[in-house]
Amino acid sequence: MEDRIGYQDIEKQTSTINGITFPFLFSDNETYLSQNNIKGLQRLKFNCKVFLFYLKTTFQLITALLIKKCYYGPFKGEFGHFTAHTLPFLMYLHKKGVKIHYCGMELHKAFLVDTKGASIIDTFYPLRDFFPEVSPRGNSTIPPQDVVNEIKKFESAAKKGIAPYWNIGDEFYYWFIHRHWLKKGYVHLYDLSAFYKTKEENSVCIFPRGKGAKTSHNNGEAWDYNHLISLIKPHFNKVYIVGHPSQSLAITPTDGVELRITSDNSQILEACSNSRLIITQHSGVNNLGEFVRKQVLIIYKGGSKISDIGSMNNTLRFRKFLNEKIPLAFAFSEEEVVNYVKHFQSK
C-alpha cells in the first residue's frame, strides 16, 4: 500500500520511507486490520466508520474556522504524541484565529505560545503533572482520580457547548483518525526559539533518557551518559543536561555542564533554543528540534543502521506530516557521536 508519505508491503511485512526499508510495518489502519485478521464485512464496517469520522472531523474543522471557537482534549499522554499530534494542530487553529478551549498537561504550558510568547489557548483546563505517579502511554494514560475529575469538568463543558469538540480521549478516534487526518495539512509549527532564545551559545542539549526498560527495540541499549558527556564536552562551551525528573537519569555535574532536569519546560526550551544541537535517544524529543529549528542527533546503541531502530518508520512518517524542516541525524556508537559532533561544528 502506498501514499504520498510512504509505502508498505503487508505481505512482506516491510515499510519504506525516505528511501529506507524497515523490516516492520507502519502503525496505521491497514496494519491494524492485517494484524487482527479483520476481513469481509467486519473490514467494511471498520473502513466505513473511519470514513464517516473523517467526514465529521473535516466538517468540525470547517465549523471551527467559521465560528472561531472549539474544544480540544483531553491530552494526558506521552511527549512525542503531544509534539506530533496535538501541538501542531493547536498552533494551526490558533494561526487561523480560532479560540481554543484546551484540556491538557500543565507541564506543557510553555509550549502553548506563539513566536512572541503569547498563549495560543483561550481557555485552559490544566491537568497537573502526574508522571511521577503514572508513566504515560500514547494518549491512553489512566491518570489518578483527582486528574480524572478535572477531565470530567472539561468534558462536561465541551459537550454542553455548540462549538466543535475534538475528543482525543476517544481512543478509536485518536488512534485511527486523528493522527492520520493531520497529514491533510492541518498543522503549523511556530518557531518557539523566536521567544525562548536568550543568547548565542556554542552549546549542546543532551536528554539522558531514563524512562522505561534499560533496553528496548525503540530506544536501544543504555548509554553511559557521564562518559558520553566527557567525550562531547571539549567541542562545546557548554553542555546542557535537560529532561523531566521522572524520565531522566541522574548525571554528575562538572565544569561546563549545566543540569536542567526540571518540570519547568520554559527552562528546557530556553536551553534548546540557545543551543546548536540536541542529542537524544529515539523518543518524542525528536520533534522538539522542529519547534526550535535545531538539528537533532538520534543516538542508538544496539544497531548499525536506521532501519534497526524500532518504530523509526513511524517517527519519520509523522515528521513528514509536520512538513519537516531539519531532517534527523543518526549515530550508533560513541565514536560516531564524536565524529558527527566534529563534523557538525566544522560547518
C-alpha atoms as a PDB file:
ATOM      1  CA  MET A   1       0.000   0.000   0.000  1.00  0.00           C
ATOM      2  CA  GLU A   2       1.368   3.418  -0.990  1.00  0.00           C
ATOM      3  CA  ASP A   3       0.521   7.062  -0.265  1.00  0.00           C
ATOM      4  CA  ARG A   4       2.410  10.311  -0.702  1.00  0.00           C
ATOM      5  CA  ILE A   5       4.182   9.785   2.637  1.00  0.00           C
ATOM      6  CA  GLY A   6       5.489   6.228   2.440  1.00  0.00           C
ATOM      7  CA  TYR A   7       4.969   2.676   1.257  1.00  0.00           C
ATOM      8  CA  GLN A   8       4.436  -0.649   2.941  1.00  0.00           C
ATOM      9  CA  ASP A   9       4.083  -4.229   1.782  1.00  0.00           C
ATOM     10  CA  ILE A  10       1.707  -6.085   4.102  1.00  0.00           C
ATOM     11  CA  GLU A  11       2.648  -9.449   2.628  1.00  0.00           C
ATOM     12  CA  LYS A  12       6.397  -8.911   3.120  1.00  0.00           C
ATOM     13  CA  GLN A  13       5.866  -7.106   6.444  1.00  0.00           C
ATOM     14  CA  THR A  14       8.047  -4.171   5.351  1.00  0.00           C
ATOM     15  CA  SER A  15       7.596  -0.416   5.186  1.00  0.00           C
ATOM     16  CA  THR A  16       9.599   2.180   3.286  1.00  0.00           C
ATOM     17  CA  ILE A  17      10.021   5.898   3.867  1.00  0.00           C
ATOM     18  CA  ASN A  18      12.743   8.358   2.858  1.00  0.00           C
ATOM     19  CA  GLY A  19      14.196   5.539   0.768  1.00  0.00           C
ATOM     20  CA  ILE A  20      14.749   3.403   3.896  1.00  0.00           C
ATOM     21  CA  THR A  21      13.081  -0.007   4.124  1.00  0.00           C
ATOM     22  CA  PHE A  22      12.191  -1.258   7.601  1.00  0.00           C
ATOM     23  CA  PRO A  23      11.505  -4.920   8.474  1.00  0.00           C
ATOM     24  CA  PHE A  24       8.210  -3.976  10.129  1.00  0.00           C
ATOM     25  CA  LEU A  25       5.032  -2.109   9.235  1.00  0.00           C
ATOM     26  CA  PHE A  26       3.746   1.376   9.941  1.00  0.00           C
ATOM     27  CA  SER A  27       1.428   1.861  12.889  1.00  0.00           C
ATOM     28  CA  ASP A  28      -1.582   2.628  10.713  1.00  0.00           C
ATOM     29  CA  ASN A  29      -5.073   1.373   9.987  1.00  0.00           C
ATOM     30  CA  GLU A  30      -4.054  -1.131   7.305  1.00  0.00           C
ATOM     31  CA  THR A  31      -1.561  -2.712   9.686  1.00  0.00           C
ATOM     32  CA  TYR A  32      -4.229  -2.965  12.395  1.00  0.00           C
ATOM     33  CA  LEU A  33      -6.631  -4.699  10.022  1.00  0.00           C
ATOM     34  CA  SER A  34      -3.958  -7.115   8.819  1.00  0.00           C
ATOM     35  CA  GLN A  35      -2.548  -7.989  12.235  1.00  0.00           C
ATOM     36  CA  ASN A  36      -6.016  -8.620  13.644  1.00  0.00           C
ATOM     37  CA  ASN A  37      -7.116 -10.605  10.571  1.00  0.00           C
ATOM     38  CA  ILE A  38     -10.136  -8.360  10.059  1.00  0.00           C
ATOM     39  CA  LYS A  39     -11.738  -9.228   6.733  1.00  0.00           C
ATOM     40  CA  GLY A  40     -15.020  -9.159   4.846  1.00  0.00           C
ATOM     41  CA  LEU A  41     -17.960  -7.433   6.491  1.00  0.00           C
ATOM     42  CA  GLN A  42     -16.014  -6.500   9.617  1.00  0.00           C
ATOM     43  CA  ARG A  43     -13.367  -4.806   7.497  1.00  0.00           C
ATOM     44  CA  LEU A  44     -16.039  -2.942   5.556  1.00  0.00           C
ATOM     45  CA  LYS A  45     -17.672  -1.757   8.804  1.00  0.00           C
ATOM     46  CA  PHE A  46     -14.319  -0.560  10.137  1.00  0.00           C
ATOM     47  CA  ASN A  47     -13.490   1.352   6.947  1.00  0.00           C
ATOM     48  CA  CYS A  48     -16.957   2.912   6.822  1.00  0.00           C
ATOM     49  CA  LYS A  49     -16.608   4.056  10.427  1.00  0.00           C
ATOM     50  CA  VAL A  50     -13.222   5.605   9.682  1.00  0.00           C
ATOM     51  CA  PHE A  51     -14.586   7.297   6.549  1.00  0.00           C
ATOM     52  CA  LEU A  52     -17.537   8.799   8.467  1.00  0.00           C
ATOM     53  CA  PHE A  53     -15.188  10.017  11.200  1.00  0.00           C
ATOM     54  CA  TYR A  54     -13.013  11.676   8.543  1.00  0.00           C
ATOM     55  CA  LEU A  55     -16.062  13.495   7.147  1.00  0.00           C
ATOM     56  CA  LYS A  56     -17.231  14.520  10.608  1.00  0.00           C
ATOM     57  CA  THR A  57     -13.768  15.748  11.601  1.00  0.00           C
ATOM     58  CA  THR A  58     -13.375  17.778   8.411  1.00  0.00           C
ATOM     59  CA  PHE A  59     -16.831  19.301   8.963  1.00  0.00           C
ATOM     60  CA  GLN A  60     -15.794  20.118  12.537  1.00  0.00           C
ATOM     61  CA  LEU A  61     -12.763  21.955  11.226  1.00  0.00           C
ATOM     62  CA  ILE A  62     -14.836  23.956   8.729  1.00  0.00           C
ATOM     63  CA  THR A  63     -17.226  24.886  11.548  1.00  0.00           C
ATOM     64  CA  ALA A  64     -14.404  25.854  13.916  1.00  0.00           C
ATOM     65  CA  LEU A  65     -12.855  28.090  11.281  1.00  0.00           C
ATOM     66  CA  LEU A  66     -16.235  29.760  10.711  1.00  0.00           C
ATOM     67  CA  ILE A  67     -17.288  30.352  14.328  1.00  0.00           C
ATOM     68  CA  LYS A  68     -13.688  30.773  15.564  1.00  0.00           C
ATOM     69  CA  LYS A  69     -14.097  28.517  18.610  1.00  0.00           C
ATOM     70  CA  CYS A  70     -13.511  24.884  19.533  1.00  0.00           C
ATOM     71  CA  TYR A  71     -12.788  22.437  22.343  1.00  0.00           C
ATOM     72  CA  TYR A  72      -9.818  20.070  22.207  1.00  0.00           C
ATOM     73  CA  GLY A  73      -8.669  17.445  24.686  1.00  0.00           C
ATOM     74  CA  PRO A  74      -8.000  15.823  26.984  1.00  0.00           C
ATOM     75  CA  PHE A  75      -4.309  15.307  26.338  1.00  0.00           C
ATOM     76  CA  LYS A  76      -2.733  13.190  29.090  1.00  0.00           C
ATOM     77  CA  GLY A  77      -0.032  11.233  27.343  1.00  0.00           C
ATOM     78  CA  GLU A  78       3.494  10.966  26.026  1.00  0.00           C
ATOM     79  CA  PHE A  79       5.558  13.944  24.945  1.00  0.00           C
ATOM     80  CA  GLY A  80       6.017  12.560  21.431  1.00  0.00           C
ATOM     81  CA  HIS A  81       2.260  12.338  20.968  1.00  0.00           C
ATOM     82  CA  PHE A  82       1.921  15.909  22.191  1.00  0.00           C
ATOM     83  CA  THR A  83       4.520  17.285  19.764  1.00  0.00           C
ATOM     84  CA  ALA A  84       3.387  15.168  16.797  1.00  0.00           C
ATOM     85  CA  HIS A  85      -0.409  15.057  17.035  1.00  0.00           C
ATOM     86  CA  THR A  86      -1.607  17.816  19.369  1.00  0.00           C
ATOM     87  CA  LEU A  87       0.630  20.882  19.484  1.00  0.00           C
ATOM     88  CA  PRO A  88       0.925  21.263  15.663  1.00  0.00           C
ATOM     89  CA  PHE A  89      -2.878  21.179  15.313  1.00  0.00           C
ATOM     90  CA  LEU A  90      -3.397  23.644  18.161  1.00  0.00           C
ATOM     91  CA  MET A  91      -0.896  26.002  16.529  1.00  0.00           C
ATOM     92  CA  TYR A  92      -2.744  25.608  13.216  1.00  0.00           C
ATOM     93  CA  LEU A  93      -6.069  26.504  14.834  1.00  0.00           C
ATOM     94  CA  HIS A  94      -4.527  29.485  16.613  1.00  0.00           C
ATOM     95  CA  LYS A  95      -2.967  30.761  13.394  1.00  0.00           C
ATOM     96  CA  LYS A  96      -6.436  30.600  11.827  1.00  0.00           C
ATOM     97  CA  GLY A  97      -7.851  32.751  14.637  1.00  0.00           C
ATOM     98  CA  VAL A  98      -9.745  30.009  16.462  1.00  0.00           C
ATOM     99  CA  LYS A  99     -10.272  30.439  20.215  1.00  0.00           C
ATOM    100  CA  ILE A 100      -9.239  27.114  21.704  1.00  0.00           C
ATOM    101  CA  HIS A 101     -10.627  25.620  24.916  1.00  0.00           C
ATOM    102  CA  TYR A 102      -7.968  23.063  25.738  1.00  0.00           C
ATOM    103  CA  CYS A 103      -7.573  20.362  28.370  1.00  0.00           C
ATOM    104  CA  GLY A 104      -4.035  19.075  28.729  1.00  0.00           C
ATOM    105  CA  MET A 105      -0.922  18.777  30.824  1.00  0.00           C
ATOM    106  CA  GLU A 106       0.075  21.911  32.720  1.00  0.00           C
ATOM    107  CA  LEU A 107       3.576  20.548  32.227  1.00  0.00           C
ATOM    108  CA  HIS A 108       3.333  21.524  28.540  1.00  0.00           C
ATOM    109  CA  LYS A 109       2.074  25.071  29.069  1.00  0.00           C
ATOM    110  CA  ALA A 110       5.411  26.586  27.989  1.00  0.00           C
ATOM    111  CA  PHE A 111       4.909  25.097  24.506  1.00  0.00           C
ATOM    112  CA  LEU A 112       1.458  26.627  24.083  1.00  0.00           C
ATOM    113  CA  VAL A 113       2.668  30.021  22.867  1.00  0.00           C
ATOM    114  CA  ASP A 114       3.375  31.795  19.603  1.00  0.00           C
ATOM    115  CA  THR A 115       6.637  33.408  18.472  1.00  0.00           C
ATOM    116  CA  LYS A 116       6.040  36.373  20.804  1.00  0.00           C
ATOM    117  CA  GLY A 117       5.273  34.261  23.853  1.00  0.00           C
ATOM    118  CA  ALA A 118       1.518  34.915  23.794  1.00  0.00           C
ATOM    119  CA  SER A 119      -0.680  31.979  24.747  1.00  0.00           C
ATOM    120  CA  ILE A 120      -2.358  30.173  21.863  1.00  0.00           C
ATOM    121  CA  ILE A 121      -5.048  28.883  24.247  1.00  0.00           C
ATOM    122  CA  ASP A 122      -8.148  30.921  25.078  1.00  0.00           C
ATOM    123  CA  THR A 123      -9.362  28.782  27.986  1.00  0.00           C
ATOM    124  CA  PHE A 124      -7.030  26.260  29.606  1.00  0.00           C
ATOM    125  CA  TYR A 125      -8.181  23.278  31.653  1.00  0.00           C
ATOM    126  CA  PRO A 126      -4.830  22.227  33.161  1.00  0.00           C
ATOM    127  CA  LEU A 127      -4.002  18.737  34.346  1.00  0.00           C
ATOM    128  CA  ARG A 128      -1.310  18.511  37.000  1.00  0.00           C
ATOM    129  CA  ASP A 129       1.975  16.672  36.414  1.00  0.00           C
ATOM    130  CA  PHE A 130       1.188  13.107  37.476  1.00  0.00           C
ATOM    131  CA  PHE A 131       4.023  11.420  35.563  1.00  0.00           C
ATOM    132  CA  PRO A 132       5.992  10.649  38.745  1.00  0.00           C
ATOM    133  CA  GLU A 133       2.978   8.510  39.743  1.00  0.00           C
ATOM    134  CA  VAL A 134       1.829   7.077  36.411  1.00  0.00           C
ATOM    135  CA  SER A 135       4.030   6.504  33.364  1.00  0.00           C
ATOM    136  CA  PRO A 136       2.466   7.970  30.195  1.00  0.00           C
ATOM    137  CA  ARG A 137       1.442   5.723  27.304  1.00  0.00           C
ATOM    138  CA  GLY A 138       0.337   7.214  23.995  1.00  0.00           C
ATOM    139  CA  ASN A 139      -2.713   9.263  24.926  1.00  0.00           C
ATOM    140  CA  SER A 140      -4.262   6.287  26.696  1.00  0.00           C
ATOM    141  CA  THR A 141      -2.731   7.021  30.089  1.00  0.00           C
ATOM    142  CA  ILE A 142      -5.057   6.375  33.019  1.00  0.00           C
ATOM    143  CA  PRO A 143      -4.324   9.246  35.419  1.00  0.00           C
ATOM    144  CA  PRO A 144      -5.001   9.467  39.172  1.00  0.00           C
ATOM    145  CA  GLN A 145      -8.600  10.061  40.228  1.00  0.00           C
ATOM    146  CA  ASP A 146      -8.183  13.765  41.007  1.00  0.00           C
ATOM    147  CA  VAL A 147      -6.942  14.303  37.443  1.00  0.00           C
ATOM    148  CA  VAL A 148      -9.837  12.227  36.071  1.00  0.00           C
ATOM    149  CA  ASN A 149     -12.196  14.581  37.931  1.00  0.00           C
ATOM    150  CA  GLU A 150     -10.637  17.602  36.204  1.00  0.00           C
ATOM    151  CA  ILE A 151     -11.009  15.894  32.837  1.00  0.00           C
ATOM    152  CA  LYS A 152     -14.703  15.305  33.541  1.00  0.00           C
ATOM    153  CA  LYS A 153     -15.191  19.039  34.164  1.00  0.00           C
ATOM    154  CA  PHE A 154     -13.699  19.795  30.761  1.00  0.00           C
ATOM    155  CA  GLU A 155     -15.739  17.083  29.021  1.00  0.00           C
ATOM    156  CA  SER A 156     -18.915  18.437  30.589  1.00  0.00           C
ATOM    157  CA  ALA A 157     -18.193  21.956  29.321  1.00  0.00           C
ATOM    158  CA  ALA A 158     -17.257  20.676  25.858  1.00  0.00           C
ATOM    159  CA  LYS A 159     -20.425  18.602  25.468  1.00  0.00           C
ATOM    160  CA  LYS A 160     -22.697  21.453  26.581  1.00  0.00           C
ATOM    161  CA  GLY A 161     -21.367  23.911  24.025  1.00  0.00           C
ATOM    162  CA  ILE A 162     -22.217  24.112  20.321  1.00  0.00           C
ATOM    163  CA  ALA A 163     -18.589  24.582  19.290  1.00  0.00           C
ATOM    164  CA  PRO A 164     -16.751  21.658  17.652  1.00  0.00           C
ATOM    165  CA  TYR A 165     -15.163  19.250  20.132  1.00  0.00           C
ATOM    166  CA  TRP A 166     -12.082  17.231  19.264  1.00  0.00           C
ATOM    167  CA  ASN A 167     -12.424  14.429  21.792  1.00  0.00           C
ATOM    168  CA  ILE A 168      -8.965  12.853  21.704  1.00  0.00           C
ATOM    169  CA  GLY A 169      -9.936  10.892  24.798  1.00  0.00           C
ATOM    170  CA  ASP A 170     -11.904   8.683  22.400  1.00  0.00           C
ATOM    171  CA  GLU A 171      -9.283   6.023  21.684  1.00  0.00           C
ATOM    172  CA  PHE A 172     -10.803   4.941  18.377  1.00  0.00           C
ATOM    173  CA  TYR A 173     -10.891   8.494  17.085  1.00  0.00           C
ATOM    174  CA  TYR A 174      -7.422   9.381  18.345  1.00  0.00           C
ATOM    175  CA  TRP A 175      -5.651   6.262  17.097  1.00  0.00           C
ATOM    176  CA  PHE A 176      -7.398   5.537  13.790  1.00  0.00           C
ATOM    177  CA  ILE A 177      -8.447   9.001  12.619  1.00  0.00           C
ATOM    178  CA  HIS A 178      -6.847  11.990  14.292  1.00  0.00           C
ATOM    179  CA  ARG A 179      -3.161  11.008  13.965  1.00  0.00           C
ATOM    180  CA  HIS A 180      -3.577  10.329  10.245  1.00  0.00           C
ATOM    181  CA  TRP A 181      -6.122  13.051   9.390  1.00  0.00           C
ATOM    182  CA  LEU A 182      -3.479  15.670  10.215  1.00  0.00           C
ATOM    183  CA  LYS A 183      -1.474  14.690   7.133  1.00  0.00           C
ATOM    184  CA  LYS A 184      -4.024  16.632   5.077  1.00  0.00           C
ATOM    185  CA  GLY A 185      -2.107  19.745   6.127  1.00  0.00           C
ATOM    186  CA  TYR A 186      -3.856  20.810   9.308  1.00  0.00           C
ATOM    187  CA  VAL A 187      -0.632  21.608  11.150  1.00  0.00           C
ATOM    188  CA  HIS A 188       1.548  24.615  11.859  1.00  0.00           C
ATOM    189  CA  LEU A 189       4.735  24.899  13.912  1.00  0.00           C
ATOM    190  CA  TYR A 190       5.604  28.242  15.465  1.00  0.00           C
ATOM    191  CA  ASP A 191       9.334  28.845  15.859  1.00  0.00           C
ATOM    192  CA  LEU A 192       9.451  28.857  19.657  1.00  0.00           C
ATOM    193  CA  SER A 193      13.126  29.847  19.647  1.00  0.00           C
ATOM    194  CA  ALA A 194      11.990  33.306  18.490  1.00  0.00           C
ATOM    195  CA  PHE A 195      10.657  33.771  22.014  1.00  0.00           C
ATOM    196  CA  TYR A 196      12.808  31.482  24.171  1.00  0.00           C
ATOM    197  CA  LYS A 197      16.256  32.153  22.739  1.00  0.00           C
ATOM    198  CA  THR A 198      18.168  34.494  25.049  1.00  0.00           C
ATOM    199  CA  LYS A 199      21.712  34.361  23.615  1.00  0.00           C
ATOM    200  CA  GLU A 200      24.034  32.899  21.019  1.00  0.00           C
ATOM    201  CA  GLU A 201      25.886  29.958  22.530  1.00  0.00           C
ATOM    202  CA  ASN A 202      28.181  27.227  21.356  1.00  0.00           C
ATOM    203  CA  SER A 203      26.227  24.723  23.414  1.00  0.00           C
ATOM    204  CA  VAL A 204      24.510  21.378  23.115  1.00  0.00           C
ATOM    205  CA  CYS A 205      21.459  19.874  24.849  1.00  0.00           C
ATOM    206  CA  ILE A 206      21.530  16.225  25.896  1.00  0.00           C
ATOM    207  CA  PHE A 207      18.444  14.344  27.084  1.00  0.00           C
ATOM    208  CA  PRO A 208      19.680  11.422  29.250  1.00  0.00           C
ATOM    209  CA  ARG A 209      16.706   9.131  28.889  1.00  0.00           C
ATOM    210  CA  GLY A 210      15.839   7.167  31.999  1.00  0.00           C
ATOM    211  CA  LYS A 211      12.247   6.177  31.229  1.00  0.00           C
ATOM    212  CA  GLY A 212      11.244   2.567  30.666  1.00  0.00           C
ATOM    213  CA  ALA A 213      13.368  -0.544  30.246  1.00  0.00           C
ATOM    214  CA  LYS A 214      17.148  -0.282  30.006  1.00  0.00           C
ATOM    215  CA  THR A 215      16.971  -1.925  26.592  1.00  0.00           C
ATOM    216  CA  SER A 216      14.172  -1.780  24.039  1.00  0.00           C
ATOM    217  CA  HIS A 217      13.780  -2.031  20.287  1.00  0.00           C
ATOM    218  CA  ASN A 218      12.575   1.574  20.076  1.00  0.00           C
ATOM    219  CA  ASN A 219      15.189   3.187  22.321  1.00  0.00           C
ATOM    220  CA  GLY A 220      18.127   0.820  22.053  1.00  0.00           C
ATOM    221  CA  GLU A 221      20.536  -0.156  24.803  1.00  0.00           C
ATOM    222  CA  ALA A 222      21.553   2.078  27.703  1.00  0.00           C
ATOM    223  CA  TRP A 223      24.279   4.690  27.219  1.00  0.00           C
ATOM    224  CA  ASP A 224      26.932   5.723  29.725  1.00  0.00           C
ATOM    225  CA  TYR A 225      25.911   9.346  29.632  1.00  0.00           C
ATOM    226  CA  ASN A 226      28.585  10.586  32.013  1.00  0.00           C
ATOM    227  CA  HIS A 227      31.243   9.153  29.691  1.00  0.00           C
ATOM    228  CA  LEU A 228      29.451  10.393  26.574  1.00  0.00           C
ATOM    229  CA  ILE A 229      29.314  13.912  28.027  1.00  0.00           C
ATOM    230  CA  SER A 230      33.035  13.813  28.719  1.00  0.00           C
ATOM    231  CA  LEU A 231      33.632  12.956  25.043  1.00  0.00           C
ATOM    232  CA  ILE A 232      31.375  15.695  23.723  1.00  0.00           C
ATOM    233  CA  LYS A 233      32.220  18.479  26.160  1.00  0.00           C
ATOM    234  CA  PRO A 234      35.551  19.524  24.546  1.00  0.00           C
ATOM    235  CA  HIS A 235      33.672  20.529  21.391  1.00  0.00           C
ATOM    236  CA  PHE A 236      31.241  22.937  23.079  1.00  0.00           C
ATOM    237  CA  ASN A 237      31.467  25.814  25.533  1.00  0.00           C
ATOM    238  CA  LYS A 238      28.537  24.421  27.488  1.00  0.00           C
ATOM    239  CA  VAL A 239      26.611  21.171  27.757  1.00  0.00           C
ATOM    240  CA  TYR A 240      23.017  21.356  28.987  1.00  0.00           C
ATOM    241  CA  ILE A 241      21.603  18.183  30.553  1.00  0.00           C
ATOM    242  CA  VAL A 242      17.856  18.504  30.190  1.00  0.00           C
ATOM    243  CA  GLY A 243      14.710  16.487  30.769  1.00  0.00           C
ATOM    244  CA  HIS A 244      11.801  15.724  33.085  1.00  0.00           C
ATOM    245  CA  PRO A 245      12.844  14.478  36.553  1.00  0.00           C
ATOM    246  CA  SER A 246      10.751  11.298  36.286  1.00  0.00           C
ATOM    247  CA  GLN A 247      12.166  10.374  32.878  1.00  0.00           C
ATOM    248  CA  SER A 248      15.848  11.333  33.127  1.00  0.00           C
ATOM    249  CA  LEU A 249      18.954   9.642  34.502  1.00  0.00           C
ATOM    250  CA  ALA A 250      20.991  11.167  37.309  1.00  0.00           C
ATOM    251  CA  ILE A 251      24.034  12.899  35.850  1.00  0.00           C
ATOM    252  CA  THR A 252      27.116  14.071  37.753  1.00  0.00           C
ATOM    253  CA  PRO A 253      27.579  17.858  37.294  1.00  0.00           C
ATOM    254  CA  THR A 254      31.024  19.047  36.202  1.00  0.00           C
ATOM    255  CA  ASP A 255      32.581  22.244  34.870  1.00  0.00           C
ATOM    256  CA  GLY A 256      30.888  23.309  31.657  1.00  0.00           C
ATOM    257  CA  VAL A 257      27.880  21.088  32.318  1.00  0.00           C
ATOM    258  CA  GLU A 258      24.613  22.693  33.429  1.00  0.00           C
ATOM    259  CA  LEU A 259      21.801  20.497  34.757  1.00  0.00           C
ATOM    260  CA  ARG A 260      18.258  21.448  33.805  1.00  0.00           C
ATOM    261  CA  ILE A 261      16.408  18.352  34.942  1.00  0.00           C
ATOM    262  CA  THR A 262      13.125  20.082  35.647  1.00  0.00           C
ATOM    263  CA  SER A 263       9.379  20.023  35.084  1.00  0.00           C
ATOM    264  CA  ASP A 264       9.620  23.697  34.026  1.00  0.00           C
ATOM    265  CA  ASN A 265       9.680  23.342  30.252  1.00  0.00           C
ATOM    266  CA  SER A 266      10.395  27.036  29.745  1.00  0.00           C
ATOM    267  CA  GLN A 267      13.907  26.345  31.080  1.00  0.00           C
ATOM    268  CA  ILE A 268      14.313  23.410  28.708  1.00  0.00           C
ATOM    269  CA  LEU A 269      13.022  25.414  25.762  1.00  0.00           C
ATOM    270  CA  GLU A 270      15.474  28.208  26.565  1.00  0.00           C
ATOM    271  CA  ALA A 271      18.399  25.768  26.695  1.00  0.00           C
ATOM    272  CA  CYS A 272      17.372  24.114  23.406  1.00  0.00           C
ATOM    273  CA  SER A 273      16.814  27.476  21.724  1.00  0.00           C
ATOM    274  CA  ASN A 274      20.250  28.709  22.797  1.00  0.00           C
ATOM    275  CA  SER A 275      21.992  25.504  21.737  1.00  0.00           C
ATOM    276  CA  ARG A 276      23.247  24.463  18.311  1.00  0.00           C
ATOM    277  CA  LEU A 277      22.445  20.764  18.659  1.00  0.00           C
ATOM    278  CA  ILE A 278      20.055  18.445  20.528  1.00  0.00           C
ATOM    279  CA  ILE A 279      21.139  14.878  21.321  1.00  0.00           C
ATOM    280  CA  THR A 280      18.638  12.227  22.396  1.00  0.00           C
ATOM    281  CA  GLN A 281      17.782   8.570  22.130  1.00  0.00           C
ATOM    282  CA  HIS A 282      14.762   7.759  19.995  1.00  0.00           C
ATOM    283  CA  SER A 283      11.903   9.470  21.813  1.00  0.00           C
ATOM    284  CA  GLY A 284       9.357  12.248  21.447  1.00  0.00           C
ATOM    285  CA  VAL A 285      12.177  14.737  21.901  1.00  0.00           C
ATOM    286  CA  ASN A 286      12.985  14.160  18.213  1.00  0.00           C
ATOM    287  CA  ASN A 287      10.139  16.541  17.313  1.00  0.00           C
ATOM    288  CA  LEU A 288      11.377  19.275  19.639  1.00  0.00           C
ATOM    289  CA  GLY A 289      14.014  20.306  17.127  1.00  0.00           C
ATOM    290  CA  GLU A 290      11.300  21.257  14.639  1.00  0.00           C
ATOM    291  CA  PHE A 291       9.720  23.669  17.127  1.00  0.00           C
ATOM    292  CA  VAL A 292      13.015  25.429  17.923  1.00  0.00           C
ATOM    293  CA  ARG A 293      14.555  24.982  14.452  1.00  0.00           C
ATOM    294  CA  LYS A 294      17.546  22.976  15.705  1.00  0.00           C
ATOM    295  CA  GLN A 295      19.336  19.883  14.474  1.00  0.00           C
ATOM    296  CA  VAL A 296      18.543  16.690  16.407  1.00  0.00           C
ATOM    297  CA  LEU A 297      21.004  13.793  16.612  1.00  0.00           C
ATOM    298  CA  ILE A 298      19.375  10.443  17.439  1.00  0.00           C
ATOM    299  CA  ILE A 299      21.780   8.125  19.241  1.00  0.00           C
ATOM    300  CA  TYR A 300      21.001   4.412  19.164  1.00  0.00           C
ATOM    301  CA  LYS A 301      23.060   1.633  20.681  1.00  0.00           C
ATOM    302  CA  GLY A 302      22.272  -1.925  19.606  1.00  0.00           C
ATOM    303  CA  GLY A 303      22.129  -1.430  15.861  1.00  0.00           C
ATOM    304  CA  SER A 304      24.143  -0.055  12.988  1.00  0.00           C
ATOM    305  CA  LYS A 305      21.568   1.458  10.653  1.00  0.00           C
ATOM    306  CA  ILE A 306      18.363   3.494  10.762  1.00  0.00           C
ATOM    307  CA  SER A 307      16.164   0.508   9.897  1.00  0.00           C
ATOM    308  CA  ASP A 308      17.359  -1.218  13.107  1.00  0.00           C
ATOM    309  CA  ILE A 309      15.516   1.346  15.234  1.00  0.00           C
ATOM    310  CA  GLY A 310      12.085   0.208  16.373  1.00  0.00           C
ATOM    311  CA  SER A 311       9.197   2.412  15.228  1.00  0.00           C
ATOM    312  CA  MET A 312      11.551   4.829  13.482  1.00  0.00           C
ATOM    313  CA  ASN A 313       9.440   4.280  10.365  1.00  0.00           C
ATOM    314  CA  ASN A 314       6.510   5.844  12.245  1.00  0.00           C
ATOM    315  CA  THR A 315       8.643   8.687  13.546  1.00  0.00           C
ATOM    316  CA  LEU A 316       9.872   9.556  10.064  1.00  0.00           C
ATOM    317  CA  ARG A 317       6.354   9.257   8.661  1.00  0.00           C
ATOM    318  CA  PHE A 318       4.766  11.549  11.226  1.00  0.00           C
ATOM    319  CA  ARG A 319       7.597  14.060  10.820  1.00  0.00           C
ATOM    320  CA  LYS A 320       6.529  14.287   7.174  1.00  0.00           C
ATOM    321  CA  PHE A 321       3.092  15.342   8.412  1.00  0.00           C
ATOM    322  CA  LEU A 322       4.836  18.223  10.220  1.00  0.00           C
ATOM    323  CA  ASN A 323       6.495  19.413   7.000  1.00  0.00           C
ATOM    324  CA  GLU A 324       9.899  18.529   8.425  1.00  0.00           C
ATOM    325  CA  LYS A 325      12.428  21.354   8.085  1.00  0.00           C
ATOM    326  CA  ILE A 326      15.573  19.767   9.565  1.00  0.00           C
ATOM    327  CA  PRO A 327      15.953  16.005   8.951  1.00  0.00           C
ATOM    328  CA  LEU A 328      17.176  13.867  11.828  1.00  0.00           C
ATOM    329  CA  ALA A 329      20.815  12.792  12.052  1.00  0.00           C
ATOM    330  CA  PHE A 330      21.847   9.413  13.499  1.00  0.00           C
ATOM    331  CA  ALA A 331      24.791   7.882  15.381  1.00  0.00           C
ATOM    332  CA  PHE A 332      25.157   4.277  16.556  1.00  0.00           C
ATOM    333  CA  SER A 333      28.253   4.370  18.771  1.00  0.00           C
ATOM    334  CA  GLU A 334      30.264   6.774  20.903  1.00  0.00           C
ATOM    335  CA  GLU A 335      32.777   7.083  18.066  1.00  0.00           C
ATOM    336  CA  GLU A 336      30.036   8.012  15.612  1.00  0.00           C
ATOM    337  CA  VAL A 337      28.633  10.586  18.049  1.00  0.00           C
ATOM    338  CA  VAL A 338      32.007  12.279  18.407  1.00  0.00           C
ATOM    339  CA  ASN A 339      32.665  12.180  14.660  1.00  0.00           C
ATOM    340  CA  TYR A 340      29.251  13.705  13.970  1.00  0.00           C
ATOM    341  CA  VAL A 341      29.844  16.476  16.525  1.00  0.00           C
ATOM    342  CA  LYS A 342      33.241  17.292  14.989  1.00  0.00           C
ATOM    343  CA  HIS A 343      31.748  17.479  11.512  1.00  0.00           C
ATOM    344  CA  PHE A 344      28.740  19.495  12.736  1.00  0.00           C
ATOM    345  CA  GLN A 345      30.976  22.019  14.491  1.00  0.00           C
ATOM    346  CA  SER A 346      33.092  22.462  11.373  1.00  0.00           C
ATOM    347  CA  LYS A 347      30.130  23.722   9.337  1.00  0.00           C
END
